[in-house]
Protein backbone atom coordinates (compact mmCIF):
# COMPACT_ATOMS: atom_id res chain seq x y z
CA UNK A 1 194.06 122.02 103.66
CA UNK A 2 190.72 123.33 102.47
CA UNK A 3 187.78 120.94 102.23
CA UNK A 4 184.17 121.55 101.28
CA UNK A 5 182.10 121.80 104.47
CA UNK A 6 179.12 119.51 104.89
CA UNK A 7 175.96 120.65 106.60
CA UNK A 8 177.04 118.64 109.64
CA UNK A 9 180.43 120.38 109.62
CA UNK A 10 178.76 123.76 109.50
CA UNK A 11 176.61 123.00 112.53
CA UNK A 12 179.41 121.31 114.46
CA UNK A 13 181.84 124.22 114.11
CA UNK A 14 179.34 127.09 114.20
CA UNK A 15 180.13 128.12 117.79
CA UNK A 16 183.86 127.91 117.17
CA UNK A 17 183.57 129.98 113.98
CA UNK A 18 181.49 132.60 115.78
CA UNK A 19 184.13 132.93 118.49
CA UNK A 20 186.66 133.72 115.75
CA UNK A 21 184.26 136.18 114.13
CA UNK A 22 184.27 138.22 117.35
CA UNK A 23 188.06 138.64 117.17
CA UNK A 24 189.27 141.13 114.54
CA UNK A 25 192.77 139.62 114.63
CA UNK A 26 191.31 136.33 113.38
CA UNK A 27 188.51 137.41 111.03
CA UNK A 28 187.77 139.09 107.73
CA UNK A 29 184.73 140.81 106.34
CA UNK A 30 181.76 140.51 106.75
CA UNK A 31 182.49 141.80 110.25
CA UNK A 32 180.45 140.60 113.23
CA UNK A 33 182.48 142.29 115.97
CA UNK A 34 180.79 145.67 115.56
CA UNK A 35 178.91 145.49 118.85
CA UNK A 36 175.46 145.29 117.28
CA UNK A 37 175.57 142.20 115.06
CA UNK A 38 174.27 139.13 116.85
CA UNK A 39 175.12 135.46 116.93
CA UNK A 40 171.73 134.77 115.39
CA UNK A 41 172.65 136.99 112.45
CA UNK A 42 175.96 135.15 112.06
CA UNK A 43 174.17 131.81 112.01
CA UNK A 44 171.61 133.07 109.49
CA UNK A 45 174.35 134.54 107.31
CA UNK A 46 176.24 131.24 107.29
CA UNK A 47 173.26 128.95 106.75
CA UNK A 48 171.77 131.13 104.03
CA UNK A 49 175.06 131.30 102.19
CA UNK A 50 175.55 127.57 102.47
CA UNK A 51 172.26 126.97 100.69
CA UNK A 52 172.96 129.29 97.76
CA UNK A 53 174.35 127.89 94.52
CA UNK A 54 176.66 130.86 94.06
CA UNK A 55 178.34 130.49 97.47
CA UNK A 56 180.76 128.01 99.03
CA UNK A 57 181.89 127.19 102.55
CA UNK A 58 185.35 125.66 103.00
CA UNK A 59 186.79 124.26 106.22
CA UNK A 60 190.40 125.16 106.91
CA UNK A 61 192.20 122.16 108.41
CA UNK A 62 195.79 122.32 109.67
CA UNK A 63 197.70 119.58 111.50
CA UNK A 64 194.54 117.50 111.61
CA UNK A 65 192.51 120.19 113.40
CA UNK A 66 189.79 122.48 112.05
CA UNK A 67 191.24 125.96 112.44
CA UNK A 68 188.47 127.98 110.79
CA UNK A 69 186.49 128.39 107.62
CA UNK A 70 186.17 130.52 104.51
CA UNK A 71 182.86 131.49 102.96
CA UNK A 72 182.57 133.32 99.65
CA UNK A 73 180.20 134.11 96.82
CA UNK A 74 180.83 134.53 93.13
CA UNK A 75 179.15 136.08 90.11
CA UNK A 76 179.96 134.11 86.97
CA UNK A 77 178.85 136.78 84.51
CA UNK A 78 181.19 139.34 86.06
CA UNK A 79 184.02 136.93 86.97
CA UNK A 80 183.73 138.35 90.48
CA UNK A 81 184.47 136.57 93.77
CA UNK A 82 184.26 138.03 97.27
CA UNK A 83 184.88 136.46 100.64
CA UNK A 84 182.07 136.93 103.15
CA UNK A 85 183.69 135.08 106.06
CA UNK A 86 187.39 134.40 106.54
CA UNK A 87 188.00 132.97 110.00
CA UNK A 88 191.31 131.47 111.12
CA UNK A 89 192.37 130.56 114.63
CA UNK A 90 195.99 129.85 113.64
CA UNK A 91 198.09 129.77 110.47
CA UNK A 92 196.29 132.58 108.67
CA UNK A 93 199.04 132.74 106.07
CA UNK A 94 198.60 129.08 105.23
CA UNK A 95 194.84 129.54 104.86
CA UNK A 96 195.32 132.46 102.48
CA UNK A 97 197.92 130.60 100.44
CA UNK A 98 195.65 127.60 100.06
CA UNK A 99 192.65 129.78 99.25
CA UNK A 100 194.50 131.61 96.49
CA UNK A 101 195.59 128.26 95.07
CA UNK A 102 192.00 127.00 95.31
CA UNK A 103 190.62 129.96 93.40
CA UNK A 104 193.37 129.65 90.79
CA UNK A 105 192.20 126.11 90.18
CA UNK A 106 188.44 126.50 90.31
CA UNK A 107 187.89 130.20 89.55
CA UNK A 108 190.59 131.00 87.05
CA UNK A 109 190.14 134.46 85.55
CA UNK A 110 188.02 135.75 88.43
CA UNK A 111 188.87 138.96 90.23
CA UNK A 112 189.11 138.24 93.95
CA UNK A 113 187.98 140.77 96.58
CA UNK A 114 189.26 140.14 100.10
CA UNK A 115 188.40 142.58 102.90
CA UNK A 116 190.00 142.52 106.35
CA UNK A 117 190.17 144.73 109.43
CA UNK A 118 193.69 146.07 109.83
CA UNK A 119 193.87 144.43 113.25
CA UNK A 120 194.24 141.17 111.31
CA UNK A 121 197.83 142.14 110.61
CA UNK A 122 198.86 138.66 109.50
CA UNK A 123 196.29 138.62 106.71
CA UNK A 124 197.11 142.18 105.66
CA UNK A 125 200.84 141.46 105.52
CA UNK A 126 200.36 138.27 103.53
CA UNK A 127 198.12 139.88 100.92
CA UNK A 128 200.46 142.85 100.58
CA UNK A 129 203.49 140.61 100.13
CA UNK A 130 201.91 138.16 97.67
CA UNK A 131 200.81 140.26 94.75
CA UNK A 132 197.43 141.49 95.93
CA UNK A 133 196.61 145.11 95.20
CA UNK A 134 195.33 147.46 97.88
CA UNK A 135 192.09 148.85 96.43
CA UNK A 136 190.62 150.67 99.41
CA UNK A 137 191.42 151.83 102.91
CA UNK A 138 188.68 153.34 105.01
CA UNK A 139 187.19 153.61 108.48
CA UNK A 140 184.36 151.21 109.17
CA UNK A 141 181.94 153.30 111.21
CA UNK A 142 178.53 152.55 112.61
CA UNK A 143 175.65 154.82 113.51
CA UNK A 144 173.19 153.60 116.14
CA UNK A 145 169.72 154.64 115.05
CA UNK A 146 167.82 153.39 118.12
CA UNK A 147 166.26 156.39 119.79
CA UNK A 148 167.59 158.77 117.18
CA UNK A 149 165.42 160.82 114.85
CA UNK A 150 167.03 161.49 111.50
CA UNK A 151 167.03 165.20 110.67
CA UNK A 152 165.10 166.32 107.59
CA UNK A 153 166.98 166.46 104.33
CA UNK A 154 168.56 169.88 103.75
CA UNK A 155 166.96 172.36 101.40
CA UNK A 156 167.47 171.39 97.79
CA UNK A 157 168.10 167.68 98.55
CA UNK A 158 166.01 165.17 96.61
CA UNK A 159 166.11 161.40 96.90
CA UNK A 160 167.59 159.63 93.88
CA UNK A 161 165.05 157.62 91.88
CA UNK A 162 164.98 156.15 88.40
CA UNK A 163 163.71 159.45 87.04
CA UNK A 164 166.67 161.52 88.24
CA UNK A 165 169.38 158.87 88.33
CA UNK A 166 171.04 160.38 85.27
CA UNK A 167 171.82 163.47 87.37
CA UNK A 168 173.45 161.28 90.01
CA UNK A 169 175.38 159.37 87.36
CA UNK A 170 177.06 162.60 86.23
CA UNK A 171 178.42 163.15 89.75
CA UNK A 172 179.17 159.60 90.83
CA UNK A 173 182.85 159.15 90.00
CA UNK A 174 184.42 155.80 90.81
CA UNK A 175 187.71 154.07 90.22
CA UNK A 176 187.72 151.69 87.22
CA UNK A 177 187.75 148.59 89.46
CA UNK A 178 184.99 149.77 91.82
CA UNK A 179 182.30 147.09 91.93
CA UNK A 180 179.44 149.43 92.89
CA UNK A 181 179.60 151.60 89.82
CA UNK A 182 176.63 153.58 88.56
CA UNK A 183 175.21 150.75 86.47
CA UNK A 184 175.14 148.29 89.37
CA UNK A 185 173.75 150.91 91.73
CA UNK A 186 170.96 151.66 89.28
CA UNK A 187 170.10 147.95 89.02
CA UNK A 188 169.85 147.73 92.82
CA UNK A 189 168.44 151.18 93.48
CA UNK A 190 165.82 149.87 95.90
CA UNK A 191 168.67 148.92 98.26
CA UNK A 192 170.23 152.40 98.33
CA UNK A 193 169.18 155.65 99.99
CA UNK A 194 170.90 158.50 98.16
CA UNK A 195 170.09 162.20 98.02
CA UNK A 196 171.07 164.70 95.38
CA UNK A 197 171.71 168.27 96.38
CA UNK A 198 170.37 170.68 93.77
CA UNK A 199 171.52 174.25 93.39
CA UNK A 200 169.93 176.49 90.77
CA UNK A 201 168.13 173.46 89.32
CA UNK A 202 171.37 171.57 88.77
CA UNK A 203 172.68 168.64 90.79
CA UNK A 204 175.66 169.94 92.74
CA UNK A 205 176.40 167.08 95.10
CA UNK A 206 175.03 164.07 96.92
CA UNK A 207 175.03 162.69 100.48
CA UNK A 208 173.88 159.45 102.06
CA UNK A 209 174.16 157.46 105.30
CA UNK A 210 177.44 155.57 104.94
CA UNK A 211 179.45 153.25 107.10
CA UNK A 212 182.85 153.47 105.42
CA UNK A 213 184.58 156.85 105.67
CA UNK A 214 187.86 157.95 104.13
CA UNK A 215 190.44 159.95 106.04
CA UNK A 216 189.00 163.24 104.80
CA UNK A 217 185.48 162.54 106.06
CA UNK A 218 186.22 160.58 109.22
CA UNK A 219 186.36 163.57 111.56
CA UNK A 220 183.01 164.84 110.29
CA UNK A 221 181.51 161.36 110.62
CA UNK A 222 182.55 161.12 114.25
CA UNK A 223 181.14 164.57 114.94
CA UNK A 224 177.82 163.46 113.45
CA UNK A 225 177.59 160.53 115.84
CA UNK A 226 179.28 157.66 114.02
CA UNK A 227 181.48 155.28 116.03
CA UNK A 228 184.54 153.62 114.52
CA UNK A 229 184.42 149.83 114.45
CA UNK A 230 187.66 149.11 112.60
CA UNK A 231 190.13 150.23 109.98
CA UNK A 232 189.12 148.44 106.77
CA UNK A 233 191.43 147.31 103.97
CA UNK A 234 190.27 145.78 100.69
CA UNK A 235 192.68 143.83 98.52
CA UNK A 236 192.08 142.64 94.98
CA UNK A 237 193.84 139.90 93.10
């Protein structure tokens, strides 16, 4: 069963939850098994989320034992819900079933976003077999910046700002259900580093430092120095 975690629960099971977070067969996104994320960051992520009004932390209990927890945040205005920690030691299918029932009861009408590494094959199989739609598959890559000097932007590349965002908007094509559409990116532009490539005074393309590559770009990403952390799958229900 799923029960709301108390502050004492969170602290009591923090070490156990972190051990699950290091195992891609037992965890979902946000991923902490990338080799650079720390236990301190995991603790901060959990505690900060627990304190926010738009986030919840649920203990997963099976056969009288705590087998993991689920943390998620939601945006009421957008009817949007995304898991930020899905950790299960055993009975992953049961945890997912109960979580979908929980959201049906308390977040009816919300669109649910659930991301998992493909190594968590039990979660992937359950979502695929129970009416969840595969929205994205990509490689989760990481680029270690320590000791590395970023090369200068190529000729004709200009950073995207409010003044030239309309040029970027014309190029930025997304699927209808993509959360980070142009409007949301514009509202959070201070959190993005994007460059437009201009040719003959017209925006011809854009590039940015990314951590999720599709099949087409993965080879180039590895050649540029990225390392693959996991195969990522995003399901929506």
